[in-house]
């Protein structure tokens, strides 16, 4: 079952994340540069609307796989 996307990102809202994570962080820049919402529509037929527990969204799963394949180097 594909659940509807919630507009609330967390219990505390976005303002805490905005204060802790800098705007020039790699994940923030990637989130602003790439729109992966098309994955939800492509995968819609693979989910049944009335059976099972709600899964993680296809968009989030695609982002996880994308980040696993992205070569990230950490400099100290």
PDB file of N, CA and C in Angstrom:
ATOM      1  N   UNK A   1       0.845  -1.159   0.000  1.00  0.00           N
ATOM      2  CA  UNK A   1       0.000   0.000   0.000  1.00  0.00           C
ATOM      3  C   UNK A   1       0.899   1.234   0.000  1.00  0.00           C
ATOM      4  N   UNK A   2       0.686   2.101  -0.924  1.00  0.00           N
ATOM      5  CA  UNK A   2       1.452   3.344  -1.038  1.00  0.00           C
ATOM      6  C   UNK A   2       0.714   4.441  -0.291  1.00  0.00           C
ATOM      7  N   UNK A   3       1.336   4.922   0.786  1.00  0.00           N
ATOM      8  CA  UNK A   3       0.660   5.924   1.598  1.00  0.00           C
ATOM      9  C   UNK A   3       0.864   7.322   1.027  1.00  0.00           C
ATOM     10  N   UNK A   4      -0.048   8.196   1.366  1.00  0.00           N
ATOM     11  CA  UNK A   4       0.059   9.587   0.926  1.00  0.00           C
ATOM     12  C   UNK A   4       1.212  10.261   1.654  1.00  0.00           C
ATOM     13  N   UNK A   5       1.894  11.163   0.975  1.00  0.00           N
ATOM     14  CA  UNK A   5       3.033  11.853   1.565  1.00  0.00           C
ATOM     15  C   UNK A   5       2.548  12.902   2.563  1.00  0.00           C
ATOM     16  N   UNK A   6       3.115  12.830   3.750  1.00  0.00           N
ATOM     17  CA  UNK A   6       2.759  13.784   4.794  1.00  0.00           C
ATOM     18  C   UNK A   6       3.487  15.097   4.562  1.00  0.00           C
ATOM     19  N   UNK A   7       2.817  16.199   4.855  1.00  0.00           N
ATOM     20  CA  UNK A   7       3.458  17.500   4.716  1.00  0.00           C
ATOM     21  C   UNK A   7       4.313  17.833   5.937  1.00  0.00           C
ATOM     22  N   UNK A   8       4.091  17.139   7.049  1.00  0.00           N
ATOM     23  CA  UNK A   8       4.882  17.369   8.247  1.00  0.00           C
ATOM     24  C   UNK A   8       6.116  16.482   8.196  1.00  0.00           C
ATOM     25  N   UNK A   9       7.306  17.088   8.161  1.00  0.00           N
ATOM     26  CA  UNK A   9       8.535  16.322   8.056  1.00  0.00           C
ATOM     27  C   UNK A   9       8.943  15.699   9.379  1.00  0.00           C
ATOM     28  N   UNK A  10       8.668  16.341  10.480  1.00  0.00           N
ATOM     29  CA  UNK A  10       8.971  15.779  11.784  1.00  0.00           C
ATOM     30  C   UNK A  10       8.073  16.422  12.820  1.00  0.00           C
ATOM     31  N   UNK A  11       8.173  15.927  14.032  1.00  0.00           N
ATOM     32  CA  UNK A  11       7.387  16.469  15.131  1.00  0.00           C
ATOM     33  C   UNK A  11       7.761  17.921  15.411  1.00  0.00           C
ATOM     34  N   UNK A  12       9.033  18.239  15.229  1.00  0.00           N
ATOM     35  CA  UNK A  12       9.535  19.575  15.544  1.00  0.00           C
ATOM     36  C   UNK A  12       9.445  20.552  14.379  1.00  0.00           C
ATOM     37  N   UNK A  13       9.188  20.084  13.195  1.00  0.00           N
ATOM     38  CA  UNK A  13       9.137  20.965  12.037  1.00  0.00           C
ATOM     39  C   UNK A  13      10.511  21.132  11.402  1.00  0.00           C
ATOM     40  N   UNK A  14      10.597  21.976  10.389  1.00  0.00           N
ATOM     41  CA  UNK A  14      11.846  22.175   9.654  1.00  0.00           C
ATOM     42  C   UNK A  14      12.803  23.133  10.334  1.00  0.00           C
ATOM     43  N   UNK A  15      12.311  23.993  11.203  1.00  0.00           N
ATOM     44  CA  UNK A  15      13.168  25.051  11.739  1.00  0.00           C
ATOM     45  C   UNK A  15      14.359  24.510  12.524  1.00  0.00           C
ATOM     46  N   UNK A  16      14.223  23.347  13.164  1.00  0.00           N
ATOM     47  CA  UNK A  16      15.367  22.777  13.889  1.00  0.00           C
ATOM     48  C   UNK A  16      16.418  22.302  12.896  1.00  0.00           C
ATOM     49  N   UNK A  17      15.998  21.637  11.821  1.00  0.00           N
ATOM     50  CA  UNK A  17      16.949  21.168  10.815  1.00  0.00           C
ATOM     51  C   UNK A  17      17.629  22.353  10.128  1.00  0.00           C
ATOM     52  N   UNK A  18      16.889  23.402   9.896  1.00  0.00           N
ATOM     53  CA  UNK A  18      17.464  24.585   9.264  1.00  0.00           C
ATOM     54  C   UNK A  18      18.536  25.233  10.136  1.00  0.00           C
ATOM     55  N   UNK A  19      18.393  25.132  11.430  1.00  0.00           N
ATOM     56  CA  UNK A  19      19.372  25.728  12.336  1.00  0.00           C
ATOM     57  C   UNK A  19      20.599  24.840  12.510  1.00  0.00           C
ATOM     58  N   UNK A  20      20.454  23.533  12.375  1.00  0.00           N
ATOM     59  CA  UNK A  20      21.553  22.600  12.635  1.00  0.00           C
ATOM     60  C   UNK A  20      22.355  22.278  11.375  1.00  0.00           C
ATOM     61  N   UNK A  21      21.680  22.089  10.265  1.00  0.00           N
ATOM     62  CA  UNK A  21      22.345  21.685   9.019  1.00  0.00           C
ATOM     63  C   UNK A  21      22.632  22.926   8.184  1.00  0.00           C
ATOM     64  N   UNK A  22      23.893  23.141   7.820  1.00  0.00           N
ATOM     65  CA  UNK A  22      24.223  24.336   7.029  1.00  0.00           C
ATOM     66  C   UNK A  22      23.642  24.250   5.614  1.00  0.00           C
ATOM     67  N   UNK A  23      23.394  25.411   5.034  1.00  0.00           N
ATOM     68  CA  UNK A  23      22.803  25.456   3.691  1.00  0.00           C
ATOM     69  C   UNK A  23      23.729  24.909   2.617  1.00  0.00           C
ATOM     70  N   UNK A  24      25.040  24.935   2.851  1.00  0.00           N
ATOM     71  CA  UNK A  24      25.981  24.451   1.843  1.00  0.00           C
ATOM     72  C   UNK A  24      26.371  22.987   2.054  1.00  0.00           C
ATOM     73  N   UNK A  25      25.624  22.261   2.907  1.00  0.00           N
ATOM     74  CA  UNK A  25      25.878  20.842   3.112  1.00  0.00           C
ATOM     75  C   UNK A  25      25.523  20.079   1.837  1.00  0.00           C
ATOM     76  N   UNK A  26      26.282  19.019   1.548  1.00  0.00           N
ATOM     77  CA  UNK A  26      26.095  18.258   0.314  1.00  0.00           C
ATOM     78  C   UNK A  26      24.659  17.772   0.147  1.00  0.00           C
ATOM     79  N   UNK A  27      24.071  17.224   1.198  1.00  0.00           N
ATOM     80  CA  UNK A  27      22.709  16.692   1.086  1.00  0.00           C
ATOM     81  C   UNK A  27      21.675  17.795   0.879  1.00  0.00           C
ATOM     82  N   UNK A  28      21.896  18.948   1.461  1.00  0.00           N
ATOM     83  CA  UNK A  28      20.993  20.085   1.229  1.00  0.00           C
ATOM     84  C   UNK A  28      21.087  20.553  -0.222  1.00  0.00           C
ATOM     85  N   UNK A  29      22.296  20.648  -0.729  1.00  0.00           N
ATOM     86  CA  UNK A  29      22.474  21.068  -2.127  1.00  0.00           C
ATOM     87  C   UNK A  29      21.856  20.061  -3.085  1.00  0.00           C
ATOM     88  N   UNK A  30      22.033  18.786  -2.791  1.00  0.00           N
ATOM     89  CA  UNK A  30      21.448  17.740  -3.636  1.00  0.00           C
ATOM     90  C   UNK A  30      19.928  17.778  -3.585  1.00  0.00           C
ATOM     91  N   UNK A  31      19.371  18.015  -2.418  1.00  0.00           N
ATOM     92  CA  UNK A  31      17.916  18.082  -2.271  1.00  0.00           C
ATOM     93  C   UNK A  31      17.329  19.247  -3.064  1.00  0.00           C
ATOM     94  N   UNK A  32      18.044  20.370  -3.092  1.00  0.00           N
ATOM     95  CA  UNK A  32      17.574  21.533  -3.847  1.00  0.00           C
ATOM     96  C   UNK A  32      17.776  21.368  -5.347  1.00  0.00           C
ATOM     97  N   UNK A  33      18.820  20.635  -5.747  1.00  0.00           N
ATOM     98  CA  UNK A  33      19.155  20.511  -7.169  1.00  0.00           C
ATOM     99  C   UNK A  33      18.342  19.427  -7.875  1.00  0.00           C
ATOM    100  N   UNK A  34      18.028  18.348  -7.167  1.00  0.00           N
ATOM    101  CA  UNK A  34      17.374  17.223  -7.830  1.00  0.00           C
ATOM    102  C   UNK A  34      15.961  17.005  -7.363  1.00  0.00           C
ATOM    103  N   UNK A  35      15.067  16.765  -8.296  1.00  0.00           N
ATOM    104  CA  UNK A  35      13.681  16.451  -7.983  1.00  0.00           C
ATOM    105  C   UNK A  35      13.433  15.002  -8.380  1.00  0.00           C
ATOM    106  N   UNK A  36      13.275  14.139  -7.380  1.00  0.00           N
ATOM    107  CA  UNK A  36      13.091  12.720  -7.642  1.00  0.00           C
ATOM    108  C   UNK A  36      11.631  12.294  -7.516  1.00  0.00           C
ATOM    109  N   UNK A  37      10.711  13.231  -7.507  1.00  0.00           N
ATOM    110  CA  UNK A  37       9.303  12.890  -7.320  1.00  0.00           C
ATOM    111  C   UNK A  37       8.724  12.074  -8.478  1.00  0.00           C
ATOM    112  N   UNK A  38       9.391  12.087  -9.623  1.00  0.00           N
ATOM    113  CA  UNK A  38       8.905  11.301 -10.767  1.00  0.00           C
ATOM    114  C   UNK A  38       8.926   9.804 -10.476  1.00  0.00           C
ATOM    115  N   UNK A  39       9.756   9.379  -9.535  1.00  0.00           N
ATOM    116  CA  UNK A  39       9.873   7.955  -9.203  1.00  0.00           C
ATOM    117  C   UNK A  39       8.570   7.440  -8.601  1.00  0.00           C
ATOM    118  N   UNK A  40       7.878   8.275  -7.831  1.00  0.00           N
ATOM    119  CA  UNK A  40       6.612   7.852  -7.232  1.00  0.00           C
ATOM    120  C   UNK A  40       5.597   7.445  -8.296  1.00  0.00           C
ATOM    121  N   UNK A  41       5.489   8.221  -9.334  1.00  0.00           N
ATOM    122  CA  UNK A  41       4.529   7.908 -10.401  1.00  0.00           C
ATOM    123  C   UNK A  41       4.959   6.676 -11.198  1.00  0.00           C
ATOM    124  N   UNK A  42       6.251   6.529 -11.427  1.00  0.00           N
ATOM    125  CA  UNK A  42       6.740   5.364 -12.171  1.00  0.00           C
ATOM    126  C   UNK A  42       6.478   4.054 -11.423  1.00  0.00           C
ATOM    127  N   UNK A  43       6.506   4.096 -10.101  1.00  0.00           N
ATOM    128  CA  UNK A  43       6.357   2.885  -9.291  1.00  0.00           C
ATOM    129  C   UNK A  43       4.934   2.664  -8.784  1.00  0.00           C
ATOM    130  N   UNK A  44       4.017   3.545  -9.114  1.00  0.00           N
ATOM    131  CA  UNK A  44       2.662   3.460  -8.572  1.00  0.00           C
ATOM    132  C   UNK A  44       1.991   2.118  -8.863  1.00  0.00           C
ATOM    133  N   UNK A  45       2.196   1.534 -10.021  1.00  0.00           N
ATOM    134  CA  UNK A  45       1.553   0.265 -10.371  1.00  0.00           C
ATOM    135  C   UNK A  45       2.106  -0.918  -9.567  1.00  0.00           C
ATOM    136  N   UNK A  46       3.266  -0.761  -8.953  1.00  0.00           N
ATOM    137  CA  UNK A  46       3.868  -1.850  -8.191  1.00  0.00           C
ATOM    138  C   UNK A  46       3.289  -1.956  -6.778  1.00  0.00           C
ATOM    139  N   UNK A  47       2.481  -0.994  -6.366  1.00  0.00           N
ATOM    140  CA  UNK A  47       1.918  -0.975  -5.019  1.00  0.00           C
ATOM    141  C   UNK A  47       0.416  -1.166  -5.075  1.00  0.00           C
ATOM    142  N   UNK A  48      -0.097  -1.974  -4.161  1.00  0.00           N
ATOM    143  CA  UNK A  48      -1.533  -2.153  -4.061  1.00  0.00           C
ATOM    144  C   UNK A  48      -2.082  -1.158  -3.036  1.00  0.00           C
ATOM    145  N   UNK A  49      -3.198  -0.518  -3.311  1.00  0.00           N
ATOM    146  CA  UNK A  49      -3.687   0.534  -2.411  1.00  0.00           C
ATOM    147  C   UNK A  49      -4.312   0.029  -1.112  1.00  0.00           C
ATOM    148  N   UNK A  50      -4.668  -1.264  -1.023  1.00  0.00           N
ATOM    149  CA  UNK A  50      -5.434  -1.714   0.138  1.00  0.00           C
ATOM    150  C   UNK A  50      -4.893  -2.994   0.778  1.00  0.00           C
ATOM    151  N   UNK A  51      -3.608  -3.260   0.635  1.00  0.00           N
ATOM    152  CA  UNK A  51      -3.068  -4.488   1.201  1.00  0.00           C
ATOM    153  C   UNK A  51      -1.720  -4.213   1.854  1.00  0.00           C
ATOM    154  N   UNK A  52      -1.576  -4.646   3.071  1.00  0.00           N
ATOM    155  CA  UNK A  52      -0.289  -4.543   3.748  1.00  0.00           C
ATOM    156  C   UNK A  52      -0.054  -3.213   4.432  1.00  0.00           C
ATOM    157  N   UNK A  53       1.098  -3.152   5.080  1.00  0.00           N
ATOM    158  CA  UNK A  53       1.486  -1.933   5.782  1.00  0.00           C
ATOM    159  C   UNK A  53       2.023  -0.909   4.795  1.00  0.00           C
ATOM    160  N   UNK A  54       1.905   0.361   5.108  1.00  0.00           N
ATOM    161  CA  UNK A  54       2.453   1.391   4.222  1.00  0.00           C
ATOM    162  C   UNK A  54       3.983   1.299   4.164  1.00  0.00           C
ATOM    163  N   UNK A  55       4.562   1.240   2.980  1.00  0.00           N
ATOM    164  CA  UNK A  55       6.017   1.125   2.851  1.00  0.00           C
ATOM    165  C   UNK A  55       6.677   2.501   2.872  1.00  0.00           C
ATOM    166  N   UNK A  56       7.991   2.477   2.843  1.00  0.00           N
ATOM    167  CA  UNK A  56       8.713   3.716   2.597  1.00  0.00           C
ATOM    168  C   UNK A  56       8.398   4.130   1.162  1.00  0.00           C
ATOM    169  N   UNK A  57       8.367   5.410   0.910  1.00  0.00           N
ATOM    170  CA  UNK A  57       8.044   5.897  -0.421  1.00  0.00           C
ATOM    171  C   UNK A  57       9.114   5.549  -1.445  1.00  0.00           C
ATOM    172  N   UNK A  58       8.716   5.299  -2.683  1.00  0.00           N
ATOM    173  CA  UNK A  58       9.689   4.996  -3.732  1.00  0.00           C
ATOM    174  C   UNK A  58      10.709   6.112  -3.919  1.00  0.00           C
ATOM    175  N   UNK A  59      10.287   7.355  -3.717  1.00  0.00           N
ATOM    176  CA  UNK A  59      11.207   8.482  -3.874  1.00  0.00           C
ATOM    177  C   UNK A  59      12.340   8.392  -2.855  1.00  0.00           C
ATOM    178  N   UNK A  60      12.009   8.084  -1.595  1.00  0.00           N
ATOM    179  CA  UNK A  60      13.042   7.958  -0.573  1.00  0.00           C
ATOM    180  C   UNK A  60      13.956   6.770  -0.857  1.00  0.00           C
ATOM    181  N   UNK A  61      13.404   5.660  -1.284  1.00  0.00           N
ATOM    182  CA  UNK A  61      14.213   4.480  -1.585  1.00  0.00           C
ATOM    183  C   UNK A  61      15.161   4.766  -2.755  1.00  0.00           C
ATOM    184  N   UNK A  62      14.688   5.497  -3.758  1.00  0.00           N
ATOM    185  CA  UNK A  62      15.532   5.862  -4.889  1.00  0.00           C
ATOM    186  C   UNK A  62      16.667   6.772  -4.430  1.00  0.00           C
ATOM    187  N   UNK A  63      16.369   7.700  -3.534  1.00  0.00           N
ATOM    188  CA  UNK A  63      17.410   8.589  -3.013  1.00  0.00           C
ATOM    189  C   UNK A  63      18.476   7.804  -2.250  1.00  0.00           C
ATOM    190  N   UNK A  64      18.054   6.804  -1.485  1.00  0.00           N
ATOM    191  CA  UNK A  64      19.005   5.983  -0.736  1.00  0.00           C
ATOM    192  C   UNK A  64      19.931   5.242  -1.688  1.00  0.00           C
ATOM    193  N   UNK A  65      19.377   4.635  -2.726  1.00  0.00           N
ATOM    194  CA  UNK A  65      20.197   3.918  -3.709  1.00  0.00           C
ATOM    195  C   UNK A  65      21.107   4.886  -4.449  1.00  0.00           C
ATOM    196  N   UNK A  66      20.587   6.045  -4.784  1.00  0.00           N
ATOM    197  CA  UNK A  66      21.393   7.062  -5.467  1.00  0.00           C
ATOM    198  C   UNK A  66      22.591   7.455  -4.610  1.00  0.00           C
ATOM    199  N   UNK A  67      22.363   7.700  -3.324  1.00  0.00           N
ATOM    200  CA  UNK A  67      23.453   8.095  -2.435  1.00  0.00           C
ATOM    201  C   UNK A  67      24.449   6.965  -2.190  1.00  0.00           C
ATOM    202  N   UNK A  68      23.988   5.719  -2.206  1.00  0.00           N
ATOM    203  CA  UNK A  68      24.906   4.599  -2.051  1.00  0.00           C
ATOM    204  C   UNK A  68      25.868   4.504  -3.224  1.00  0.00           C
ATOM    205  N   UNK A  69      25.428   4.906  -4.403  1.00  0.00           N
ATOM    206  CA  UNK A  69      26.263   4.813  -5.595  1.00  0.00           C
ATOM    207  C   UNK A  69      27.106   6.057  -5.830  1.00  0.00           C
ATOM    208  N   UNK A  70      26.778   7.159  -5.157  1.00  0.00           N
ATOM    209  CA  UNK A  70      27.479   8.427  -5.347  1.00  0.00           C
ATOM    210  C   UNK A  70      28.833   8.353  -4.641  1.00  0.00           C
ATOM    211  N   UNK A  71      29.932   8.611  -5.362  1.00  0.00           N
ATOM    212  CA  UNK A  71      31.252   8.554  -4.695  1.00  0.00           C
ATOM    213  C   UNK A  71      31.486   9.818  -3.853  1.00  0.00           C
ATOM    214  N   UNK A  72      31.397   9.653  -2.554  1.00  0.00           N
ATOM    215  CA  UNK A  72      31.583  10.770  -1.634  1.00  0.00           C
ATOM    216  C   UNK A  72      32.942  10.631  -0.945  1.00  0.00           C
ATOM    217  N   UNK A  73      33.717  11.698  -0.982  1.00  0.00           N
ATOM    218  CA  UNK A  73      34.989  11.704  -0.279  1.00  0.00           C
ATOM    219  C   UNK A  73      34.879  12.699   0.867  1.00  0.00           C
ATOM    220  N   UNK A  74      35.307  12.283   2.023  1.00  0.00           N
ATOM    221  CA  UNK A  74      35.245  13.137   3.201  1.00  0.00           C
ATOM    222  C   UNK A  74      36.644  13.645   3.488  1.00  0.00           C
ATOM    223  N   UNK A  75      36.768  14.958   3.552  1.00  0.00           N
ATOM    224  CA  UNK A  75      38.060  15.542   3.887  1.00  0.00           C
ATOM    225  C   UNK A  75      38.015  16.097   5.304  1.00  0.00           C
ATOM    226  N   UNK A  76      39.087  15.938   5.991  1.00  0.00           N
ATOM    227  CA  UNK A  76      39.134  16.413   7.384  1.00  0.00           C
ATOM    228  C   UNK A  76      39.822  17.730   7.498  1.00  0.00           C
TER     229      UNK A  76
END
